[in-house]
Amino acid sequence: MSKKPAALGASIIATKGQASPTVQNQAPQAVKADNKTIDNEHRTAVTVRLDDERYKKLKMFGLDKKLSNQDIFVAALDAYLE
């Protein structure tokens, strides 16, 4: 069963010089971890290589607690450095 693509009508095609973006650029969002607000402009990316077993445990923990890898690592690093 093949579906036909929607037809492009004249009402949805922009005329040269009249096109406008559908999404405006937004200012960077702040990240909040353990009541500390971190501005996205003042962050540095860090890469961590994990073996398969640790990666699977990290993903499962994140899914169970509804946390991102970023949240988990920031909380663990804060706890370790204290």
PDB file of N, CA and C in Angstrom:
ATOM      1  N   MET A   1       0.852  -1.177   0.000  1.00  0.00           N
ATOM      2  CA  MET A   1       0.000   0.000   0.000  1.00  0.00           C
ATOM      3  C   MET A   1       0.892   1.233   0.000  1.00  0.00           C
ATOM      4  N   SER A   2       0.847   2.006  -1.022  1.00  0.00           N
ATOM      5  CA  SER A   2       1.690   3.204  -1.093  1.00  0.00           C
ATOM      6  C   SER A   2       0.860   4.439  -0.784  1.00  0.00           C
ATOM      7  N   LYS A   3       1.465   5.317  -0.025  1.00  0.00           N
ATOM      8  CA  LYS A   3       0.795   6.575   0.310  1.00  0.00           C
ATOM      9  C   LYS A   3       1.362   7.668  -0.577  1.00  0.00           C
ATOM     10  N   LYS A   4       0.495   8.514  -1.060  1.00  0.00           N
ATOM     11  CA  LYS A   4       0.937   9.626  -1.892  1.00  0.00           C
ATOM     12  C   LYS A   4       1.363  10.774  -0.986  1.00  0.00           C
ATOM     13  N   PRO A   5       2.464  11.444  -1.335  1.00  0.00           N
ATOM     14  CA  PRO A   5       2.869  12.608  -0.535  1.00  0.00           C
ATOM     15  C   PRO A   5       1.863  13.745  -0.703  1.00  0.00           C
ATOM     16  N   ALA A   6       1.796  14.600   0.295  1.00  0.00           N
ATOM     17  CA  ALA A   6       0.883  15.741   0.237  1.00  0.00           C
ATOM     18  C   ALA A   6       1.282  16.663  -0.912  1.00  0.00           C
ATOM     19  N   ALA A   7       0.315  17.200  -1.565  1.00  0.00           N
ATOM     20  CA  ALA A   7       0.573  18.105  -2.673  1.00  0.00           C
ATOM     21  C   ALA A   7       1.021  19.464  -2.145  1.00  0.00           C
ATOM     22  N   LEU A   8       1.967  20.073  -2.835  1.00  0.00           N
ATOM     23  CA  LEU A   8       2.425  21.406  -2.472  1.00  0.00           C
ATOM     24  C   LEU A   8       1.569  22.427  -3.201  1.00  0.00           C
ATOM     25  N   GLY A   9       0.807  23.162  -2.449  1.00  0.00           N
ATOM     26  CA  GLY A   9      -0.044  24.172  -3.051  1.00  0.00           C
ATOM     27  C   GLY A   9       0.625  25.534  -3.022  1.00  0.00           C
ATOM     28  N   ALA A  10       0.110  26.442  -3.787  1.00  0.00           N
ATOM     29  CA  ALA A  10       0.669  27.789  -3.872  1.00  0.00           C
ATOM     30  C   ALA A  10       0.618  28.511  -2.531  1.00  0.00           C
ATOM     31  N   SER A  11      -0.309  28.128  -1.661  1.00  0.00           N
ATOM     32  CA  SER A  11      -0.455  28.825  -0.382  1.00  0.00           C
ATOM     33  C   SER A  11       0.677  28.504   0.596  1.00  0.00           C
ATOM     34  N   ILE A  12       1.386  27.384   0.403  1.00  0.00           N
ATOM     35  CA  ILE A  12       2.456  27.044   1.341  1.00  0.00           C
ATOM     36  C   ILE A  12       3.856  27.277   0.773  1.00  0.00           C
ATOM     37  N   ILE A  13       3.936  27.691  -0.475  1.00  0.00           N
ATOM     38  CA  ILE A  13       5.238  27.954  -1.084  1.00  0.00           C
ATOM     39  C   ILE A  13       5.528  29.442  -0.991  1.00  0.00           C
ATOM     40  N   ALA A  14       6.679  29.767  -0.376  1.00  0.00           N
ATOM     41  CA  ALA A  14       7.050  31.166  -0.188  1.00  0.00           C
ATOM     42  C   ALA A  14       7.573  31.764  -1.491  1.00  0.00           C
ATOM     43  N   THR A  15       7.257  33.003  -1.702  1.00  0.00           N
ATOM     44  CA  THR A  15       7.774  33.753  -2.836  1.00  0.00           C
ATOM     45  C   THR A  15       9.152  34.281  -2.459  1.00  0.00           C
ATOM     46  N   LYS A  16      10.056  34.344  -3.413  1.00  0.00           N
ATOM     47  CA  LYS A  16      11.418  34.795  -3.137  1.00  0.00           C
ATOM     48  C   LYS A  16      11.392  36.148  -2.421  1.00  0.00           C
ATOM     49  N   GLY A  17      12.132  36.230  -1.311  1.00  0.00           N
ATOM     50  CA  GLY A  17      12.203  37.463  -0.541  1.00  0.00           C
ATOM     51  C   GLY A  17      11.149  37.563   0.544  1.00  0.00           C
ATOM     52  N   GLN A  18      10.179  36.648   0.560  1.00  0.00           N
ATOM     53  CA  GLN A  18       9.108  36.710   1.549  1.00  0.00           C
ATOM     54  C   GLN A  18       9.145  35.543   2.540  1.00  0.00           C
ATOM     55  N   ALA A  19      10.142  34.670   2.421  1.00  0.00           N
ATOM     56  CA  ALA A  19      10.225  33.524   3.324  1.00  0.00           C
ATOM     57  C   ALA A  19      10.674  33.989   4.705  1.00  0.00           C
ATOM     58  N   SER A  20      10.188  33.311   5.730  1.00  0.00           N
ATOM     59  CA  SER A  20      10.602  33.625   7.098  1.00  0.00           C
ATOM     60  C   SER A  20      10.819  32.314   7.849  1.00  0.00           C
ATOM     61  N   PRO A  21      11.710  32.312   8.835  1.00  0.00           N
ATOM     62  CA  PRO A  21      11.966  31.073   9.579  1.00  0.00           C
ATOM     63  C   PRO A  21      10.752  30.691  10.423  1.00  0.00           C
ATOM     64  N   THR A  22      10.573  29.398  10.617  1.00  0.00           N
ATOM     65  CA  THR A  22       9.456  28.930  11.427  1.00  0.00           C
ATOM     66  C   THR A  22       9.809  28.905  12.911  1.00  0.00           C
ATOM     67  N   VAL A  23      11.095  28.790  13.238  1.00  0.00           N
ATOM     68  CA  VAL A  23      11.528  28.746  14.632  1.00  0.00           C
ATOM     69  C   VAL A  23      12.587  29.830  14.834  1.00  0.00           C
ATOM     70  N   GLN A  24      12.389  30.650  15.832  1.00  0.00           N
ATOM     71  CA  GLN A  24      13.351  31.694  16.144  1.00  0.00           C
ATOM     72  C   GLN A  24      14.466  31.119  17.005  1.00  0.00           C
ATOM     73  N   ASN A  25      15.693  31.619  16.865  1.00  0.00           N
ATOM     74  CA  ASN A  25      16.784  31.192  17.732  1.00  0.00           C
ATOM     75  C   ASN A  25      16.474  31.630  19.152  1.00  0.00           C
ATOM     76  N   GLN A  26      16.691  30.727  20.082  1.00  0.00           N
ATOM     77  CA  GLN A  26      16.409  31.025  21.476  1.00  0.00           C
ATOM     78  C   GLN A  26      17.722  31.169  22.227  1.00  0.00           C
ATOM     79  N   ALA A  27      17.701  31.953  23.285  1.00  0.00           N
ATOM     80  CA  ALA A  27      18.883  32.116  24.124  1.00  0.00           C
ATOM     81  C   ALA A  27      19.200  30.785  24.790  1.00  0.00           C
ATOM     82  N   PRO A  28      20.480  30.526  25.106  1.00  0.00           N
ATOM     83  CA  PRO A  28      20.839  29.274  25.764  1.00  0.00           C
ATOM     84  C   PRO A  28      20.085  29.104  27.078  1.00  0.00           C
ATOM     85  N   GLN A  29      19.672  27.894  27.329  1.00  0.00           N
ATOM     86  CA  GLN A  29      18.958  27.563  28.554  1.00  0.00           C
ATOM     87  C   GLN A  29      19.957  27.320  29.680  1.00  0.00           C
ATOM     88  N   ALA A  30      19.553  27.591  30.891  1.00  0.00           N
ATOM     89  CA  ALA A  30      20.381  27.284  32.052  1.00  0.00           C
ATOM     90  C   ALA A  30      20.055  25.878  32.527  1.00  0.00           C
ATOM     91  N   VAL A  31      21.063  25.172  33.016  1.00  0.00           N
ATOM     92  CA  VAL A  31      20.887  23.827  33.527  1.00  0.00           C
ATOM     93  C   VAL A  31      20.962  23.899  35.041  1.00  0.00           C
ATOM     94  N   LYS A  32      20.059  23.198  35.713  1.00  0.00           N
ATOM     95  CA  LYS A  32      20.044  23.227  37.160  1.00  0.00           C
ATOM     96  C   LYS A  32      20.321  21.828  37.692  1.00  0.00           C
ATOM     97  N   ALA A  33      21.396  21.671  38.427  1.00  0.00           N
ATOM     98  CA  ALA A  33      21.754  20.386  39.028  1.00  0.00           C
ATOM     99  C   ALA A  33      22.085  20.623  40.484  1.00  0.00           C
ATOM    100  N   ASP A  34      21.387  19.935  41.368  1.00  0.00           N
ATOM    101  CA  ASP A  34      21.618  20.068  42.817  1.00  0.00           C
ATOM    102  C   ASP A  34      21.557  21.521  43.273  1.00  0.00           C
ATOM    103  N   ASN A  35      20.508  22.238  42.829  1.00  0.00           N
ATOM    104  CA  ASN A  35      20.275  23.636  43.209  1.00  0.00           C
ATOM    105  C   ASN A  35      21.380  24.581  42.764  1.00  0.00           C
ATOM    106  N   LYS A  36      22.196  24.185  41.804  1.00  0.00           N
ATOM    107  CA  LYS A  36      23.233  25.063  41.254  1.00  0.00           C
ATOM    108  C   LYS A  36      22.854  25.365  39.815  1.00  0.00           C
ATOM    109  N   THR A  37      22.708  26.624  39.491  1.00  0.00           N
ATOM    110  CA  THR A  37      22.364  27.007  38.132  1.00  0.00           C
ATOM    111  C   THR A  37      23.646  27.223  37.346  1.00  0.00           C
ATOM    112  N   ILE A  38      23.726  26.582  36.172  1.00  0.00           N
ATOM    113  CA  ILE A  38      24.908  26.671  35.325  1.00  0.00           C
ATOM    114  C   ILE A  38      24.470  27.234  33.983  1.00  0.00           C
ATOM    115  N   ASP A  39      25.041  28.330  33.591  1.00  0.00           N
ATOM    116  CA  ASP A  39      24.726  28.946  32.305  1.00  0.00           C
ATOM    117  C   ASP A  39      25.383  28.123  31.199  1.00  0.00           C
ATOM    118  N   ASN A  40      24.651  27.810  30.132  1.00  0.00           N
ATOM    119  CA  ASN A  40      25.198  27.011  29.035  1.00  0.00           C
ATOM    120  C   ASN A  40      26.436  27.641  28.413  1.00  0.00           C
ATOM    121  N   GLU A  41      26.556  28.942  28.470  1.00  0.00           N
ATOM    122  CA  GLU A  41      27.709  29.607  27.869  1.00  0.00           C
ATOM    123  C   GLU A  41      28.976  29.404  28.683  1.00  0.00           C
ATOM    124  N   HIS A  42      28.856  28.967  29.923  1.00  0.00           N
ATOM    125  CA  HIS A  42      30.014  28.810  30.793  1.00  0.00           C
ATOM    126  C   HIS A  42      30.239  27.359  31.165  1.00  0.00           C
ATOM    127  N   ARG A  43      30.005  26.453  30.234  1.00  0.00           N
ATOM    128  CA  ARG A  43      30.204  25.029  30.478  1.00  0.00           C
ATOM    129  C   ARG A  43      31.249  24.496  29.518  1.00  0.00           C
ATOM    130  N   THR A  44      31.923  23.436  29.934  1.00  0.00           N
ATOM    131  CA  THR A  44      32.912  22.763  29.110  1.00  0.00           C
ATOM    132  C   THR A  44      32.487  21.314  28.933  1.00  0.00           C
ATOM    133  N   ALA A  45      32.575  20.813  27.721  1.00  0.00           N
ATOM    134  CA  ALA A  45      32.208  19.428  27.449  1.00  0.00           C
ATOM    135  C   ALA A  45      33.347  18.508  27.878  1.00  0.00           C
ATOM    136  N   VAL A  46      32.977  17.371  28.466  1.00  0.00           N
ATOM    137  CA  VAL A  46      33.937  16.356  28.888  1.00  0.00           C
ATOM    138  C   VAL A  46      33.443  15.018  28.360  1.00  0.00           C
ATOM    139  N   THR A  47      34.333  14.234  27.793  1.00  0.00           N
ATOM    140  CA  THR A  47      33.968  12.933  27.255  1.00  0.00           C
ATOM    141  C   THR A  47      34.440  11.840  28.207  1.00  0.00           C
ATOM    142  N   VAL A  48      33.592  10.858  28.431  1.00  0.00           N
ATOM    143  CA  VAL A  48      33.936   9.727  29.284  1.00  0.00           C
ATOM    144  C   VAL A  48      33.714   8.449  28.478  1.00  0.00           C
ATOM    145  N   ARG A  49      34.728   7.622  28.394  1.00  0.00           N
ATOM    146  CA  ARG A  49      34.593   6.341  27.701  1.00  0.00           C
ATOM    147  C   ARG A  49      34.249   5.272  28.722  1.00  0.00           C
ATOM    148  N   LEU A  50      33.197   4.512  28.430  1.00  0.00           N
ATOM    149  CA  LEU A  50      32.735   3.467  29.340  1.00  0.00           C
ATOM    150  C   LEU A  50      32.733   2.123  28.625  1.00  0.00           C
ATOM    151  N   ASP A  51      32.992   1.071  29.397  1.00  0.00           N
ATOM    152  CA  ASP A  51      32.840  -0.268  28.835  1.00  0.00           C
ATOM    153  C   ASP A  51      31.341  -0.551  28.716  1.00  0.00           C
ATOM    154  N   ASP A  52      31.005  -1.596  27.976  1.00  0.00           N
ATOM    155  CA  ASP A  52      29.590  -1.902  27.706  1.00  0.00           C
ATOM    156  C   ASP A  52      28.786  -2.122  28.977  1.00  0.00           C
ATOM    157  N   GLU A  53      29.356  -2.824  29.946  1.00  0.00           N
ATOM    158  CA  GLU A  53      28.632  -3.135  31.179  1.00  0.00           C
ATOM    159  C   GLU A  53      28.281  -1.864  31.950  1.00  0.00           C
ATOM    160  N   ARG A  54      29.228  -0.953  32.119  1.00  0.00           N
ATOM    161  CA  ARG A  54      28.958   0.306  32.822  1.00  0.00           C
ATOM    162  C   ARG A  54      27.948   1.163  32.054  1.00  0.00           C
ATOM    163  N   TYR A  55      28.077   1.179  30.727  1.00  0.00           N
ATOM    164  CA  TYR A  55      27.151   1.971  29.917  1.00  0.00           C
ATOM    165  C   TYR A  55      25.714   1.457  30.072  1.00  0.00           C
ATOM    166  N   LYS A  56      25.541   0.142  30.045  1.00  0.00           N
ATOM    167  CA  LYS A  56      24.200  -0.435  30.207  1.00  0.00           C
ATOM    168  C   LYS A  56      23.624  -0.096  31.580  1.00  0.00           C
ATOM    169  N   LYS A  57      24.465  -0.182  32.628  1.00  0.00           N
ATOM    170  CA  LYS A  57      24.008   0.147  33.983  1.00  0.00           C
ATOM    171  C   LYS A  57      23.623   1.619  34.079  1.00  0.00           C
ATOM    172  N   LEU A  58      24.424   2.489  33.448  1.00  0.00           N
ATOM    173  CA  LEU A  58      24.140   3.924  33.450  1.00  0.00           C
ATOM    174  C   LEU A  58      22.800   4.201  32.774  1.00  0.00           C
ATOM    175  N   LYS A  59      22.569   3.591  31.607  1.00  0.00           N
ATOM    176  CA  LYS A  59      21.318   3.808  30.878  1.00  0.00           C
ATOM    177  C   LYS A  59      20.120   3.299  31.671  1.00  0.00           C
ATOM    178  N   MET A  60      20.248   2.136  32.290  1.00  0.00           N
ATOM    179  CA  MET A  60      19.146   1.573  33.074  1.00  0.00           C
ATOM    180  C   MET A  60      18.850   2.457  34.292  1.00  0.00           C
ATOM    181  N   PHE A  61      19.893   2.925  34.965  1.00  0.00           N
ATOM    182  CA  PHE A  61      19.710   3.803  36.114  1.00  0.00           C
ATOM    183  C   PHE A  61      18.990   5.077  35.686  1.00  0.00           C
ATOM    184  N   GLY A  62      19.427   5.652  34.575  1.00  0.00           N
ATOM    185  CA  GLY A  62      18.809   6.873  34.064  1.00  0.00           C
ATOM    186  C   GLY A  62      17.354   6.679  33.690  1.00  0.00           C
ATOM    187  N   LEU A  63      17.047   5.545  33.086  1.00  0.00           N
ATOM    188  CA  LEU A  63      15.660   5.265  32.715  1.00  0.00           C
ATOM    189  C   LEU A  63      14.796   5.082  33.950  1.00  0.00           C
ATOM    190  N   ASP A  64      15.319   4.360  34.950  1.00  0.00           N
ATOM    191  CA  ASP A  64      14.557   4.122  36.182  1.00  0.00           C
ATOM    192  C   ASP A  64      14.269   5.421  36.926  1.00  0.00           C
ATOM    193  N   LYS A  65      15.264   6.292  37.015  1.00  0.00           N
ATOM    194  CA  LYS A  65      15.142   7.529  37.787  1.00  0.00           C
ATOM    195  C   LYS A  65      14.697   8.718  36.942  1.00  0.00           C
ATOM    196  N   LYS A  66      14.542   8.497  35.625  1.00  0.00           N
ATOM    197  CA  LYS A  66      14.192   9.565  34.684  1.00  0.00           C
ATOM    198  C   LYS A  66      15.217  10.704  34.734  1.00  0.00           C
ATOM    199  N   LEU A  67      16.502  10.307  34.657  1.00  0.00           N
ATOM    200  CA  LEU A  67      17.614  11.261  34.669  1.00  0.00           C
ATOM    201  C   LEU A  67      18.429  11.099  33.401  1.00  0.00           C
ATOM    202  N   SER A  68      19.025  12.187  32.956  1.00  0.00           N
ATOM    203  CA  SER A  68      19.911  12.123  31.802  1.00  0.00           C
ATOM    204  C   SER A  68      21.309  11.718  32.278  1.00  0.00           C
ATOM    205  N   ASN A  69      22.149  11.281  31.345  1.00  0.00           N
ATOM    206  CA  ASN A  69      23.542  10.977  31.683  1.00  0.00           C
ATOM    207  C   ASN A  69      24.210  12.206  32.292  1.00  0.00           C
ATOM    208  N   GLN A  70      23.893  13.374  31.761  1.00  0.00           N
ATOM    209  CA  GLN A  70      24.454  14.637  32.275  1.00  0.00           C
ATOM    210  C   GLN A  70      24.099  14.808  33.751  1.00  0.00           C
ATOM    211  N   ASP A  71      22.838  14.622  34.089  1.00  0.00           N
ATOM    212  CA  ASP A  71      22.407  14.767  35.484  1.00  0.00           C
ATOM    213  C   ASP A  71      23.133  13.787  36.400  1.00  0.00           C
ATOM    214  N   ILE A  72      23.261  12.544  35.955  1.00  0.00           N
ATOM    215  CA  ILE A  72      23.908  11.516  36.768  1.00  0.00           C
ATOM    216  C   ILE A  72      25.371  11.858  36.996  1.00  0.00           C
ATOM    217  N   PHE A  73      26.086  12.221  35.924  1.00  0.00           N
ATOM    218  CA  PHE A  73      27.510  12.529  36.061  1.00  0.00           C
ATOM    219  C   PHE A  73      27.756  13.771  36.912  1.00  0.00           C
ATOM    220  N   VAL A  74      26.950  14.802  36.741  1.00  0.00           N
ATOM    221  CA  VAL A  74      27.131  16.024  37.535  1.00  0.00           C
ATOM    222  C   VAL A  74      26.903  15.726  39.011  1.00  0.00           C
ATOM    223  N   ALA A  75      25.846  14.978  39.339  1.00  0.00           N
ATOM    224  CA  ALA A  75      25.568  14.634  40.734  1.00  0.00           C
ATOM    225  C   ALA A  75      26.685  13.768  41.313  1.00  0.00           C
ATOM    226  N   ALA A  76      27.152  12.790  40.553  1.00  0.00           N
ATOM    227  CA  ALA A  76      28.227  11.910  41.029  1.00  0.00           C
ATOM    228  C   ALA A  76      29.522  12.692  41.215  1.00  0.00           C
ATOM    229  N   LEU A  77      29.842  13.576  40.301  1.00  0.00           N
ATOM    230  CA  LEU A  77      31.066  14.368  40.402  1.00  0.00           C
ATOM    231  C   LEU A  77      31.001  15.315  41.596  1.00  0.00           C
ATOM    232  N   ASP A  78      29.853  15.968  41.789  1.00  0.00           N
ATOM    233  CA  ASP A  78      29.684  16.843  42.946  1.00  0.00           C
ATOM    234  C   ASP A  78      29.879  16.076  44.252  1.00  0.00           C
ATOM    235  N   ALA A  79      29.275  14.874  44.333  1.00  0.00           N
ATOM    236  CA  ALA A  79      29.406  14.051  45.544  1.00  0.00           C
ATOM    237  C   ALA A  79      30.857  13.618  45.750  1.00  0.00           C
ATOM    238  N   TYR A  80      31.533  13.260  44.693  1.00  0.00           N
ATOM    239  CA  TYR A  80      32.923  12.802  44.779  1.00  0.00           C
ATOM    240  C   TYR A  80      33.850  13.945  45.198  1.00  0.00           C
ATOM    241  N   LEU A  81      33.636  15.124  44.644  1.00  0.00           N
ATOM    242  CA  LEU A  81      34.525  16.257  44.934  1.00  0.00           C
ATOM    243  C   LEU A  81      34.285  16.871  46.323  1.00  0.00           C
ATOM    244  N   GLU A  82      33.117  16.611  46.924  1.00  0.00           N
ATOM    245  CA  GLU A  82      32.850  17.111  48.271  1.00  0.00           C
ATOM    246  C   GLU A  82      33.587  16.247  49.231  1.00  0.00           C
TER     247      GLU A  82
END
